[in-house]
Structure formats: structure tokens, C-alpha cells
C-alpha atoms as a PDB file:
ATOM      1  CA  MET A   1     -18.880 -11.164 -92.459  1.00  0.00           C
ATOM      2  CA  ASP A   2     -20.034 -13.848 -90.323  1.00  0.00           C
ATOM      3  CA  ARG A   3     -18.383 -14.879 -87.055  1.00  0.00           C
ATOM      4  CA  SER A   4     -16.138 -17.921 -88.277  1.00  0.00           C
ATOM      5  CA  LYS A   5     -14.699 -15.995 -90.988  1.00  0.00           C
ATOM      6  CA  ILE A   6     -13.638 -13.280 -88.724  1.00  0.00           C
ATOM      7  CA  VAL A   7     -12.282 -15.915 -86.184  1.00  0.00           C
ATOM      8  CA  ALA A   8     -10.487 -17.491 -89.190  1.00  0.00           C
ATOM      9  CA  ILE A   9      -8.602 -13.920 -90.244  1.00  0.00           C
ATOM     10  CA  VAL A  10      -7.946 -13.169 -86.548  1.00  0.00           C
ATOM     11  CA  ALA A  11      -6.385 -16.531 -86.069  1.00  0.00           C
ATOM     12  CA  GLY A  12      -4.507 -16.321 -89.132  1.00  0.00           C
ATOM     13  CA  ALA A  13      -3.181 -12.615 -88.338  1.00  0.00           C
ATOM     14  CA  ILE A  14      -2.040 -14.099 -84.817  1.00  0.00           C
ATOM     15  CA  SER A  15      -0.001 -16.925 -86.797  1.00  0.00           C
ATOM     16  CA  ILE A  16       1.562 -14.640 -89.285  1.00  0.00           C
ATOM     17  CA  THR A  17       2.566 -12.137 -86.123  1.00  0.00           C
ATOM     18  CA  LEU A  18       3.855 -15.328 -84.250  1.00  0.00           C
ATOM     19  CA  ALA A  19       5.989 -16.583 -87.328  1.00  0.00           C
ATOM     20  CA  LEU A  20       7.423 -13.089 -88.057  1.00  0.00           C
ATOM     21  CA  ALA A  21       8.306 -12.740 -84.484  1.00  0.00           C
ATOM     22  CA  TYR A  22       9.836 -16.107 -84.083  1.00  0.00           C
ATOM     23  CA  LEU A  23      12.058 -15.454 -87.435  1.00  0.00           C
ATOM     24  CA  LEU A  24      13.183 -12.023 -86.156  1.00  0.00           C
ATOM     25  CA  LEU A  25      14.015 -13.903 -82.648  1.00  0.00           C
ATOM     26  CA  VAL A  26      16.349 -16.564 -84.414  1.00  0.00           C
ATOM     27  CA  GLN A  27      17.942 -13.601 -86.760  1.00  0.00           C
ATOM     28  CA  LEU A  28      18.815 -11.457 -83.427  1.00  0.00           C
ATOM     29  CA  LEU A  29      20.289 -14.596 -81.968  1.00  0.00           C
ATOM     30  CA  ASP A  30      22.152 -15.757 -84.772  1.00  0.00           C
ATOM     31  CA  PHE A  31      23.817 -12.411 -85.419  1.00  0.00           C
ATOM     32  CA  ARG A  32      25.183 -12.000 -81.726  1.00  0.00           C
ATOM     33  CA  ARG A  33      28.565 -13.485 -82.553  1.00  0.00           C
ATOM     34  CA  GLU A  34      30.615 -16.573 -84.032  1.00  0.00           C
ATOM     35  CA  MET A  35      29.703 -19.858 -82.285  1.00  0.00           C
ATOM     36  CA  ILE A  36      32.935 -21.020 -80.906  1.00  0.00           C
ATOM     37  CA  PRO A  37      33.222 -24.576 -79.349  1.00  0.00           C
ATOM     38  CA  ALA A  38      33.601 -25.315 -75.519  1.00  0.00           C
ATOM     39  CA  PRO A  39      36.989 -26.091 -74.607  1.00  0.00           C
ATOM     40  CA  VAL A  40      38.013 -29.618 -74.424  1.00  0.00           C
ATOM     41  CA  SER A  41      39.268 -29.263 -70.627  1.00  0.00           C
ATOM     42  CA  ILE A  42      35.575 -28.441 -69.615  1.00  0.00           C
ATOM     43  CA  LEU A  43      34.173 -31.293 -71.266  1.00  0.00           C
ATOM     44  CA  PRO A  44      32.884 -34.254 -68.695  1.00  0.00           C
ATOM     45  CA  GLN A  45      35.331 -37.264 -68.747  1.00  0.00           C
ATOM     46  CA  ALA A  46      33.552 -40.418 -70.095  1.00  0.00           C
ATOM     47  CA  VAL A  47      31.653 -42.136 -67.317  1.00  0.00           C
ATOM     48  CA  GLN A  48      32.656 -46.221 -66.822  1.00  0.00           C
ATOM     49  CA  VAL A  49      29.547 -48.056 -66.064  1.00  0.00           C
ATOM     50  CA  ALA A  50      30.066 -51.518 -63.884  1.00  0.00           C
ATOM     51  CA  LEU A  51      27.417 -53.902 -64.641  1.00  0.00           C
ATOM     52  CA  PRO A  52      26.353 -56.387 -61.999  1.00  0.00           C
ATOM     53  CA  VAL A  53      27.597 -60.215 -62.511  1.00  0.00           C
ATOM     54  CA  ASP A  54      23.944 -61.322 -62.487  1.00  0.00           C
ATOM     55  CA  LEU A  55      23.280 -59.773 -65.924  1.00  0.00           C
ATOM     56  CA  VAL A  56      25.703 -62.610 -67.857  1.00  0.00           C
ATOM     57  CA  VAL A  57      23.399 -64.363 -69.972  1.00  0.00           C
ATOM     58  CA  GLU A  58      24.248 -67.916 -71.022  1.00  0.00           C
ATOM     59  CA  ILE A  59      23.785 -69.287 -74.752  1.00  0.00           C
ATOM     60  CA  SER A  60      23.277 -72.478 -75.478  1.00  0.00           C
ATOM     61  CA  PHE A  61      23.984 -74.330 -78.652  1.00  0.00           C
ATOM     62  CA  THR A  62      20.956 -75.487 -80.399  1.00  0.00           C
ATOM     63  CA  PRO A  63      22.083 -77.504 -83.608  1.00  0.00           C
ATOM     64  CA  SER A  64      18.717 -77.007 -85.385  1.00  0.00           C
ATOM     65  CA  LEU A  65      19.188 -73.453 -85.876  1.00  0.00           C
ATOM     66  CA  GLN A  66      22.444 -73.886 -87.394  1.00  0.00           C
ATOM     67  CA  PRO A  67      22.846 -73.737 -90.993  1.00  0.00           C
ATOM     68  CA  GLU A  68      23.905 -77.161 -92.909  1.00  0.00           C
ATOM     69  CA  GLY A  69      26.891 -77.061 -94.973  1.00  0.00           C
ATOM     70  CA  ASN A  70      29.759 -74.658 -95.300  1.00  0.00           C
ATOM     71  CA  VAL A  71      28.482 -71.273 -95.329  1.00  0.00           C
END
């Protein structure tokens, strides 16, 4: 066997080992217990953001962009 085939076999074996280890870890974490949602009293309240007045944008009326007739 030449070196490239050996490297490919070793890389494939490592890949399969990591995939099986990942599947085992996911199964172990999944079988721990039933997932229970967090109580609502612990959830943070909504955050109100105050925008500065400088961000107000004035929109001008441009008649050429308006459709003609009743739409």
C-alpha cells in the first residue's frame, strides 16, 4: 500500500470514530430526563428601547412616484 491509501484509511477510521462518539453523546444527553420548560417567573421582562429624537426621518411627497388614477 502506498502512503496516500494509508492516510485515507486512517482519516476514515478517525471520522467514523468521531461520528459514533457524537451519536453516543447525543443519545446519553437525550435519555437524561424529560425536558421541562423554564418557569415564566424566571424569564426576563421585555426591554423597552428609547430611540433618540434625532433619528426621526422626514418623508417628502414626490408626485412623480405616485401611481396615476385610482388604485
